[in-house]
Amino acid sequence: MNRPLVVALAAVVTLVAAAGAGAWFTDRYKNSVQRANTAETLVASLRAQLDNTDAGVVEVTKYVDRVQTIRVKGDTIVKEIPRYVTVVADAACIVPGGFVRLHDTAASGGVLDQDPRGADATPSGVPLSAVAGTVAANYTTGHINAARLTALQDTLRAQGVTIIGEPAQ
């Protein structure tokens, strides 16, 4: 073999080896960049989840405090019924059966009979103080449900969700 051919072959082999090594290093670099981007995305996602969790803990604490306050107020009202609706008032006010049917149907979400069947004809036997207790308990439950909805909406707002009926921010 002549020397120029050997030098040319050595140069070609060196160039091919350099090109192969360059391609290999380029591929390794691209894989490293892709892994770094994936890791950064994961870190951002985990940070957002952690922030949402922290906000959720604060919201749950506020919600529990709010519900406890509502229950205490409701229980206080129920305890005060005998002072505001006395035994004399219970005896003086006859709660008609029609009122009890109307109230019970409304509470159950049912449909009233078309025929009231002598709604005022017979007393129900339910004392006025029991009606006051039922109404107070129902309002307390309504206030608790309103607090639940408010807490849910606050949690969703903290996560960037738009609540239907509210202007977009």
N, C-alpha and C. Protein backbone atom coordinates (compact mmCIF):
# COMPACT_ATOMS: atom_id res chain seq x y z
N MET A 1 0.84 -1.18 0.00
CA MET A 1 0.00 0.00 0.00
C MET A 1 0.89 1.24 0.00
N ASN A 2 0.38 2.18 -0.69
CA ASN A 2 1.20 3.38 -0.72
C ASN A 2 0.77 4.33 0.40
N ARG A 3 1.71 5.10 0.77
CA ARG A 3 1.56 5.96 1.94
C ARG A 3 0.42 6.96 1.81
N PRO A 4 0.19 7.64 0.71
CA PRO A 4 -0.92 8.60 0.63
C PRO A 4 -2.28 7.92 0.84
N LEU A 5 -2.41 6.68 0.36
CA LEU A 5 -3.68 5.97 0.54
C LEU A 5 -3.90 5.66 2.02
N VAL A 6 -2.88 5.26 2.72
CA VAL A 6 -2.99 4.96 4.15
C VAL A 6 -3.35 6.22 4.92
N VAL A 7 -2.73 7.32 4.57
CA VAL A 7 -3.01 8.59 5.25
C VAL A 7 -4.46 9.00 4.98
N ALA A 8 -4.93 8.83 3.74
CA ALA A 8 -6.31 9.19 3.39
C ALA A 8 -7.28 8.30 4.15
N LEU A 9 -7.00 6.99 4.19
CA LEU A 9 -7.88 6.08 4.93
C LEU A 9 -7.88 6.42 6.42
N ALA A 10 -6.74 6.73 6.96
CA ALA A 10 -6.67 7.10 8.38
C ALA A 10 -7.46 8.38 8.63
N ALA A 11 -7.38 9.32 7.70
CA ALA A 11 -8.12 10.57 7.85
C ALA A 11 -9.62 10.31 7.78
N VAL A 12 -10.05 9.45 6.85
CA VAL A 12 -11.48 9.12 6.72
C VAL A 12 -11.95 8.40 7.98
N VAL A 13 -11.18 7.44 8.47
CA VAL A 13 -11.57 6.71 9.69
C VAL A 13 -11.64 7.68 10.86
N THR A 14 -10.68 8.59 10.95
CA THR A 14 -10.68 9.58 12.03
C THR A 14 -11.91 10.48 11.93
N LEU A 15 -12.24 10.93 10.72
CA LEU A 15 -13.43 11.77 10.52
C LEU A 15 -14.71 11.02 10.87
N VAL A 16 -14.81 9.76 10.44
CA VAL A 16 -16.00 8.96 10.75
C VAL A 16 -16.10 8.76 12.26
N ALA A 17 -14.97 8.48 12.91
CA ALA A 17 -14.98 8.29 14.37
C ALA A 17 -15.36 9.59 15.07
N ALA A 18 -14.83 10.71 14.58
CA ALA A 18 -15.17 12.01 15.18
C ALA A 18 -16.64 12.33 14.96
N ALA A 19 -17.16 12.04 13.77
CA ALA A 19 -18.58 12.29 13.49
C ALA A 19 -19.45 11.40 14.37
N GLY A 20 -19.08 10.13 14.51
CA GLY A 20 -19.84 9.21 15.37
C GLY A 20 -19.83 9.68 16.82
N ALA A 21 -18.65 10.08 17.30
CA ALA A 21 -18.54 10.56 18.68
C ALA A 21 -19.36 11.84 18.85
N GLY A 22 -19.30 12.72 17.85
CA GLY A 22 -20.09 13.96 17.91
C GLY A 22 -21.58 13.67 17.95
N ALA A 23 -22.02 12.72 17.13
CA ALA A 23 -23.44 12.36 17.12
C ALA A 23 -23.84 11.75 18.46
N TRP A 24 -22.95 10.92 19.01
CA TRP A 24 -23.25 10.29 20.30
C TRP A 24 -23.34 11.34 21.40
N PHE A 25 -22.38 12.29 21.44
CA PHE A 25 -22.40 13.35 22.44
C PHE A 25 -23.62 14.26 22.26
N THR A 26 -23.98 14.54 21.02
CA THR A 26 -25.16 15.38 20.75
C THR A 26 -26.42 14.69 21.25
N ASP A 27 -26.53 13.39 21.00
CA ASP A 27 -27.70 12.64 21.47
C ASP A 27 -27.75 12.63 22.99
N ARG A 28 -26.61 12.42 23.63
CA ARG A 28 -26.56 12.43 25.11
C ARG A 28 -26.97 13.81 25.64
N TYR A 29 -26.51 14.88 24.98
CA TYR A 29 -26.86 16.24 25.40
C TYR A 29 -28.36 16.48 25.28
N LYS A 30 -28.94 16.07 24.14
CA LYS A 30 -30.39 16.24 23.94
C LYS A 30 -31.18 15.47 24.99
N ASN A 31 -30.76 14.24 25.29
CA ASN A 31 -31.44 13.45 26.32
C ASN A 31 -31.33 14.13 27.69
N SER A 32 -30.17 14.70 27.99
CA SER A 32 -29.99 15.39 29.27
C SER A 32 -30.89 16.61 29.36
N VAL A 33 -30.98 17.37 28.27
CA VAL A 33 -31.85 18.55 28.25
C VAL A 33 -33.31 18.13 28.42
N GLN A 34 -33.70 17.05 27.74
CA GLN A 34 -35.08 16.57 27.85
C GLN A 34 -35.38 16.13 29.29
N ARG A 35 -34.46 15.41 29.92
CA ARG A 35 -34.67 14.99 31.30
C ARG A 35 -34.74 16.19 32.24
N ALA A 36 -33.92 17.20 31.99
CA ALA A 36 -33.95 18.41 32.82
C ALA A 36 -35.28 19.14 32.66
N ASN A 37 -35.77 19.25 31.43
CA ASN A 37 -37.07 19.90 31.19
C ASN A 37 -38.19 19.12 31.88
N THR A 38 -38.15 17.80 31.79
CA THR A 38 -39.16 16.96 32.45
C THR A 38 -39.10 17.15 33.96
N ALA A 39 -37.90 17.21 34.51
CA ALA A 39 -37.75 17.41 35.95
C ALA A 39 -38.27 18.78 36.37
N GLU A 40 -38.00 19.82 35.58
CA GLU A 40 -38.50 21.16 35.90
C GLU A 40 -40.02 21.20 35.85
N THR A 41 -40.61 20.53 34.87
CA THR A 41 -42.07 20.47 34.78
C THR A 41 -42.65 19.74 35.98
N LEU A 42 -42.02 18.65 36.37
CA LEU A 42 -42.49 17.89 37.54
C LEU A 42 -42.38 18.73 38.81
N VAL A 43 -41.29 19.45 38.97
CA VAL A 43 -41.11 20.30 40.15
C VAL A 43 -42.19 21.38 40.18
N ALA A 44 -42.47 22.00 39.03
CA ALA A 44 -43.51 23.04 38.98
C ALA A 44 -44.87 22.45 39.33
N SER A 45 -45.15 21.26 38.82
CA SER A 45 -46.43 20.61 39.12
C SER A 45 -46.53 20.28 40.61
N LEU A 46 -45.46 19.75 41.18
CA LEU A 46 -45.47 19.41 42.60
C LEU A 46 -45.60 20.65 43.47
N ARG A 47 -44.94 21.76 43.05
CA ARG A 47 -45.09 23.01 43.80
C ARG A 47 -46.53 23.49 43.78
N ALA A 48 -47.16 23.42 42.60
CA ALA A 48 -48.56 23.85 42.48
C ALA A 48 -49.46 22.97 43.35
N GLN A 49 -49.21 21.66 43.34
CA GLN A 49 -50.01 20.76 44.18
C GLN A 49 -49.81 21.07 45.66
N LEU A 50 -48.58 21.34 46.04
CA LEU A 50 -48.30 21.67 47.44
C LEU A 50 -48.97 22.98 47.83
N ASP A 51 -48.90 23.98 46.94
CA ASP A 51 -49.57 25.25 47.22
C ASP A 51 -51.07 25.05 47.36
N ASN A 52 -51.66 24.24 46.48
CA ASN A 52 -53.10 23.97 46.57
C ASN A 52 -53.43 23.22 47.86
N THR A 53 -52.56 22.32 48.27
CA THR A 53 -52.79 21.58 49.50
C THR A 53 -52.75 22.53 50.69
N ASP A 54 -51.76 23.42 50.72
CA ASP A 54 -51.67 24.39 51.81
C ASP A 54 -52.91 25.27 51.85
N ALA A 55 -53.35 25.75 50.68
CA ALA A 55 -54.55 26.58 50.62
C ALA A 55 -55.76 25.78 51.06
N GLY A 56 -55.80 24.50 50.68
CA GLY A 56 -56.92 23.64 51.06
C GLY A 56 -56.99 23.44 52.57
N VAL A 57 -55.83 23.29 53.21
CA VAL A 57 -55.81 23.11 54.66
C VAL A 57 -56.34 24.36 55.35
N VAL A 58 -55.93 25.53 54.86
CA VAL A 58 -56.42 26.79 55.43
C VAL A 58 -57.92 26.90 55.23
N GLU A 59 -58.41 26.56 54.03
CA GLU A 59 -59.84 26.66 53.75
C GLU A 59 -60.63 25.68 54.60
N VAL A 60 -60.13 24.46 54.77
CA VAL A 60 -60.84 23.48 55.60
C VAL A 60 -60.91 23.96 57.04
N THR A 61 -59.82 24.53 57.54
CA THR A 61 -59.81 25.05 58.90
C THR A 61 -60.83 26.17 59.06
N LYS A 62 -60.85 27.10 58.09
CA LYS A 62 -61.84 28.19 58.14
C LYS A 62 -63.25 27.62 58.09
N TYR A 63 -63.46 26.63 57.22
CA TYR A 63 -64.78 26.03 57.06
C TYR A 63 -65.23 25.36 58.35
N VAL A 64 -64.35 24.59 58.97
CA VAL A 64 -64.71 23.89 60.22
C VAL A 64 -65.05 24.91 61.30
N ASP A 65 -64.27 25.98 61.38
CA ASP A 65 -64.57 27.03 62.37
C ASP A 65 -65.92 27.68 62.08
N ARG A 66 -66.20 27.95 60.80
CA ARG A 66 -67.46 28.57 60.41
C ARG A 66 -68.64 27.67 60.77
N VAL A 67 -68.52 26.38 60.46
CA VAL A 67 -69.60 25.43 60.75
C VAL A 67 -69.81 25.32 62.26
N GLN A 68 -68.72 25.28 63.00
CA GLN A 68 -68.84 25.20 64.47
C GLN A 68 -69.56 26.42 65.01
N THR A 69 -69.24 27.60 64.51
CA THR A 69 -69.92 28.83 64.94
C THR A 69 -71.40 28.77 64.60
N ILE A 70 -71.73 28.30 63.41
CA ILE A 70 -73.13 28.19 63.00
C ILE A 70 -73.87 27.21 63.91
N ARG A 71 -73.26 26.08 64.21
CA ARG A 71 -73.92 25.09 65.09
C ARG A 71 -74.14 25.64 66.49
N VAL A 72 -73.15 26.34 67.02
CA VAL A 72 -73.30 26.92 68.36
C VAL A 72 -74.46 27.92 68.36
N LYS A 73 -74.53 28.76 67.34
CA LYS A 73 -75.63 29.72 67.26
C LYS A 73 -76.97 29.00 67.16
N GLY A 74 -77.04 27.98 66.31
CA GLY A 74 -78.28 27.22 66.16
C GLY A 74 -78.69 26.53 67.45
N ASP A 75 -77.72 25.91 68.13
CA ASP A 75 -78.02 25.24 69.40
C ASP A 75 -78.49 26.24 70.45
N THR A 76 -77.89 27.43 70.44
CA THR A 76 -78.30 28.47 71.39
C THR A 76 -79.75 28.89 71.14
N ILE A 77 -80.10 29.04 69.87
CA ILE A 77 -81.48 29.41 69.54
C ILE A 77 -82.44 28.32 70.00
N VAL A 78 -82.11 27.07 69.75
CA VAL A 78 -82.99 25.96 70.16
C VAL A 78 -83.14 25.94 71.68
N LYS A 79 -82.05 26.20 72.42
CA LYS A 79 -82.13 26.22 73.88
C LYS A 79 -83.03 27.35 74.38
N GLU A 80 -83.10 28.43 73.62
CA GLU A 80 -83.89 29.60 74.03
C GLU A 80 -85.37 29.48 73.67
N ILE A 81 -85.76 28.45 72.95
CA ILE A 81 -87.16 28.31 72.53
C ILE A 81 -88.12 28.37 73.72
N PRO A 82 -87.87 27.69 74.83
CA PRO A 82 -88.82 27.76 75.95
C PRO A 82 -89.01 29.18 76.50
N ARG A 83 -88.00 30.03 76.36
CA ARG A 83 -88.14 31.42 76.82
C ARG A 83 -89.00 32.24 75.86
N TYR A 84 -88.90 31.94 74.58
CA TYR A 84 -89.62 32.73 73.57
C TYR A 84 -90.97 32.13 73.20
N VAL A 85 -91.08 30.82 73.27
CA VAL A 85 -92.35 30.13 73.01
C VAL A 85 -92.69 29.38 74.31
N THR A 86 -93.43 30.05 75.15
CA THR A 86 -93.71 29.52 76.49
C THR A 86 -94.77 28.44 76.45
N VAL A 87 -94.96 27.80 77.59
CA VAL A 87 -96.00 26.78 77.73
C VAL A 87 -97.36 27.41 77.47
N VAL A 88 -97.52 28.66 77.90
CA VAL A 88 -98.78 29.38 77.66
C VAL A 88 -98.99 29.56 76.16
N ALA A 89 -97.92 29.92 75.44
CA ALA A 89 -98.03 30.09 73.99
C ALA A 89 -98.33 28.75 73.31
N ASP A 90 -97.71 27.67 73.80
CA ASP A 90 -98.00 26.34 73.25
C ASP A 90 -99.48 26.00 73.41
N ALA A 91 -100.03 26.32 74.58
CA ALA A 91 -101.44 26.01 74.85
C ALA A 91 -102.37 26.91 74.04
N ALA A 92 -101.96 28.15 73.81
CA ALA A 92 -102.82 29.11 73.12
C ALA A 92 -102.85 28.90 71.61
N CYS A 93 -101.78 28.36 71.05
CA CYS A 93 -101.69 28.23 69.59
C CYS A 93 -101.89 26.78 69.20
N ILE A 94 -102.91 26.55 68.43
CA ILE A 94 -103.19 25.21 67.93
C ILE A 94 -102.60 25.12 66.52
N VAL A 95 -101.65 24.24 66.34
CA VAL A 95 -101.04 24.06 65.02
C VAL A 95 -101.92 23.10 64.23
N PRO A 96 -102.51 23.59 63.13
CA PRO A 96 -103.42 22.73 62.37
C PRO A 96 -102.68 21.62 61.63
N GLY A 97 -103.39 20.54 61.38
CA GLY A 97 -102.83 19.41 60.65
C GLY A 97 -102.38 19.79 59.25
N GLY A 98 -103.09 20.73 58.63
CA GLY A 98 -102.71 21.18 57.29
C GLY A 98 -101.34 21.83 57.27
N PHE A 99 -101.02 22.60 58.31
CA PHE A 99 -99.70 23.22 58.39
C PHE A 99 -98.62 22.15 58.48
N VAL A 100 -98.86 21.15 59.31
CA VAL A 100 -97.87 20.08 59.48
C VAL A 100 -97.67 19.33 58.16
N ARG A 101 -98.77 19.02 57.45
CA ARG A 101 -98.65 18.34 56.14
C ARG A 101 -97.88 19.21 55.15
N LEU A 102 -98.21 20.51 55.13
CA LEU A 102 -97.53 21.44 54.22
C LEU A 102 -96.03 21.49 54.53
N HIS A 103 -95.70 21.65 55.80
CA HIS A 103 -94.30 21.73 56.21
C HIS A 103 -93.55 20.44 55.89
N ASP A 104 -94.13 19.31 56.24
CA ASP A 104 -93.46 18.03 56.01
C ASP A 104 -93.25 17.75 54.52
N THR A 105 -94.24 18.13 53.71
CA THR A 105 -94.10 17.93 52.26
C THR A 105 -93.00 18.83 51.71
N ALA A 106 -92.96 20.09 52.16
CA ALA A 106 -91.90 21.00 51.71
C ALA A 106 -90.53 20.50 52.15
N ALA A 107 -90.43 19.99 53.37
CA ALA A 107 -89.14 19.51 53.88
C ALA A 107 -88.65 18.28 53.12
N SER A 108 -89.58 17.43 52.69
CA SER A 108 -89.19 16.21 51.98
C SER A 108 -89.02 16.43 50.49
N GLY A 109 -89.44 17.60 50.00
CA GLY A 109 -89.33 17.87 48.56
C GLY A 109 -90.42 17.18 47.78
N GLY A 110 -91.48 16.77 48.46
CA GLY A 110 -92.58 16.07 47.80
C GLY A 110 -93.56 17.02 47.14
N VAL A 111 -94.69 16.46 46.73
CA VAL A 111 -95.75 17.22 46.08
C VAL A 111 -96.98 17.15 46.97
N LEU A 112 -97.62 18.29 47.18
CA LEU A 112 -98.83 18.34 48.01
C LEU A 112 -100.00 17.67 47.31
N ASP A 113 -100.88 17.10 48.11
CA ASP A 113 -102.15 16.61 47.57
C ASP A 113 -102.94 17.82 47.09
N GLN A 114 -103.70 17.62 46.02
CA GLN A 114 -104.53 18.71 45.52
C GLN A 114 -105.68 19.01 46.46
N ASP A 115 -106.11 18.02 47.20
CA ASP A 115 -107.23 18.18 48.13
C ASP A 115 -106.67 18.39 49.54
N PRO A 116 -106.87 19.58 50.13
CA PRO A 116 -106.32 19.82 51.46
C PRO A 116 -107.03 19.04 52.56
N ARG A 117 -108.16 18.41 52.29
CA ARG A 117 -108.90 17.56 53.24
C ARG A 117 -109.04 18.20 54.62
N GLY A 118 -109.70 19.29 54.68
CA GLY A 118 -109.97 19.93 55.97
C GLY A 118 -108.70 20.30 56.71
N ALA A 119 -107.85 21.07 56.06
CA ALA A 119 -106.55 21.43 56.62
C ALA A 119 -106.65 22.06 58.00
N ASP A 120 -107.71 22.83 58.23
CA ASP A 120 -107.86 23.50 59.52
C ASP A 120 -108.81 22.76 60.46
N ALA A 121 -109.34 21.64 60.01
CA ALA A 121 -110.38 20.96 60.77
C ALA A 121 -109.87 20.34 62.06
N THR A 122 -108.71 19.71 62.01
CA THR A 122 -108.25 19.00 63.20
C THR A 122 -106.89 19.53 63.65
N PRO A 123 -106.70 19.63 64.95
CA PRO A 123 -105.37 20.03 65.42
C PRO A 123 -104.38 18.89 65.20
N SER A 124 -103.14 19.26 65.01
CA SER A 124 -102.12 18.24 64.72
C SER A 124 -101.58 17.58 65.97
N GLY A 125 -101.69 18.25 67.09
CA GLY A 125 -101.09 17.74 68.31
C GLY A 125 -99.62 18.13 68.43
N VAL A 126 -99.11 18.86 67.44
CA VAL A 126 -97.72 19.32 67.46
C VAL A 126 -97.70 20.68 68.16
N PRO A 127 -96.95 20.81 69.25
CA PRO A 127 -96.91 22.09 69.94
C PRO A 127 -96.13 23.14 69.14
N LEU A 128 -96.46 24.40 69.36
CA LEU A 128 -95.80 25.50 68.66
C LEU A 128 -94.29 25.49 68.92
N SER A 129 -93.88 25.12 70.11
CA SER A 129 -92.45 25.08 70.43
C SER A 129 -91.73 24.04 69.57
N ALA A 130 -92.40 22.93 69.23
CA ALA A 130 -91.79 21.92 68.36
C ALA A 130 -91.62 22.47 66.95
N VAL A 131 -92.61 23.26 66.50
CA VAL A 131 -92.50 23.90 65.18
C VAL A 131 -91.30 24.85 65.19
N ALA A 132 -91.16 25.64 66.26
CA ALA A 132 -90.03 26.58 66.35
C ALA A 132 -88.70 25.82 66.34
N GLY A 133 -88.63 24.70 67.05
CA GLY A 133 -87.40 23.91 67.07
C GLY A 133 -87.06 23.34 65.71
N THR A 134 -88.07 22.85 65.00
CA THR A 134 -87.85 22.31 63.65
C THR A 134 -87.37 23.39 62.70
N VAL A 135 -88.03 24.55 62.76
CA VAL A 135 -87.64 25.66 61.88
C VAL A 135 -86.22 26.12 62.19
N ALA A 136 -85.87 26.25 63.47
CA ALA A 136 -84.52 26.67 63.84
C ALA A 136 -83.48 25.66 63.36
N ALA A 137 -83.78 24.37 63.53
CA ALA A 137 -82.84 23.33 63.07
C ALA A 137 -82.69 23.37 61.55
N ASN A 138 -83.81 23.59 60.84
CA ASN A 138 -83.75 23.65 59.38
C ASN A 138 -82.91 24.85 58.91
N TYR A 139 -83.09 26.00 59.56
CA TYR A 139 -82.29 27.17 59.18
C TYR A 139 -80.82 26.95 59.50
N THR A 140 -80.53 26.30 60.61
CA THR A 140 -79.13 26.00 60.94
C THR A 140 -78.51 25.12 59.87
N THR A 141 -79.25 24.10 59.45
CA THR A 141 -78.76 23.22 58.38
C THR A 141 -78.57 24.00 57.08
N GLY A 142 -79.48 24.90 56.79
CA GLY A 142 -79.35 25.74 55.59
C GLY A 142 -78.11 26.61 55.64
N HIS A 143 -77.83 27.19 56.81
CA HIS A 143 -76.62 28.02 56.95
C HIS A 143 -75.35 27.18 56.83
N ILE A 144 -75.38 25.96 57.34
CA ILE A 144 -74.22 25.06 57.20
C ILE A 144 -74.01 24.71 55.74
N ASN A 145 -75.09 24.42 55.02
CA ASN A 145 -74.96 24.12 53.59
C ASN A 145 -74.41 25.31 52.82
N ALA A 146 -74.85 26.52 53.18
CA ALA A 146 -74.32 27.72 52.54
C ALA A 146 -72.83 27.87 52.82
N ALA A 147 -72.41 27.57 54.05
CA ALA A 147 -70.99 27.64 54.39
C ALA A 147 -70.19 26.60 53.61
N ARG A 148 -70.76 25.41 53.41
CA ARG A 148 -70.10 24.38 52.61
C ARG A 148 -69.89 24.86 51.18
N LEU A 149 -70.93 25.44 50.61
CA LEU A 149 -70.83 25.93 49.23
C LEU A 149 -69.79 27.04 49.13
N THR A 150 -69.80 27.96 50.08
CA THR A 150 -68.83 29.05 50.08
C THR A 150 -67.40 28.51 50.19
N ALA A 151 -67.19 27.53 51.07
CA ALA A 151 -65.86 26.94 51.23
C ALA A 151 -65.42 26.23 49.95
N LEU A 152 -66.33 25.52 49.31
CA LEU A 152 -66.00 24.85 48.05
C LEU A 152 -65.64 25.87 46.98
N GLN A 153 -66.43 26.93 46.87
CA GLN A 153 -66.14 27.96 45.88
C GLN A 153 -64.79 28.62 46.17
N ASP A 154 -64.49 28.91 47.44
CA ASP A 154 -63.20 29.51 47.79
C ASP A 154 -62.04 28.60 47.41
N THR A 155 -62.20 27.29 47.66
CA THR A 155 -61.15 26.33 47.31
C THR A 155 -60.95 26.29 45.80
N LEU A 156 -62.05 26.27 45.05
CA LEU A 156 -61.95 26.25 43.60
C LEU A 156 -61.31 27.53 43.07
N ARG A 157 -61.69 28.68 43.64
CA ARG A 157 -61.09 29.95 43.21
C ARG A 157 -59.58 29.93 43.46
N ALA A 158 -59.15 29.38 44.61
CA ALA A 158 -57.72 29.32 44.94
C ALA A 158 -56.97 28.45 43.94
N GLN A 159 -57.66 27.51 43.30
CA GLN A 159 -57.04 26.65 42.31
C GLN A 159 -57.15 27.22 40.90
N GLY A 160 -57.73 28.43 40.79
CA GLY A 160 -57.82 29.09 39.50
C GLY A 160 -59.04 28.72 38.68
N VAL A 161 -60.03 28.07 39.30
CA VAL A 161 -61.24 27.68 38.58
C VAL A 161 -62.19 28.86 38.56
N THR A 162 -62.85 29.08 37.43
CA THR A 162 -63.86 30.13 37.33
C THR A 162 -65.20 29.55 37.74
N ILE A 163 -65.87 30.21 38.66
CA ILE A 163 -67.17 29.77 39.15
C ILE A 163 -68.23 30.28 38.19
N ILE A 164 -69.15 29.41 37.80
CA ILE A 164 -70.22 29.79 36.88
C ILE A 164 -71.03 30.92 37.50
N GLY A 165 -71.30 31.93 36.69
CA GLY A 165 -72.09 33.06 37.16
C GLY A 165 -71.24 34.20 37.70
N GLU A 166 -69.95 33.98 37.86
CA GLU A 166 -69.05 35.03 38.31
C GLU A 166 -68.27 35.55 37.12
N PRO A 167 -67.93 36.83 37.13
CA PRO A 167 -67.12 37.35 36.02
C PRO A 167 -65.73 36.73 36.02
N ALA A 168 -65.22 36.46 34.84
CA ALA A 168 -63.87 35.89 34.71
C ALA A 168 -62.85 36.94 35.14
N GLN A 169 -61.78 36.47 35.76
CA GLN A 169 -60.76 37.41 36.24
C GLN A 169 -59.58 37.45 35.33
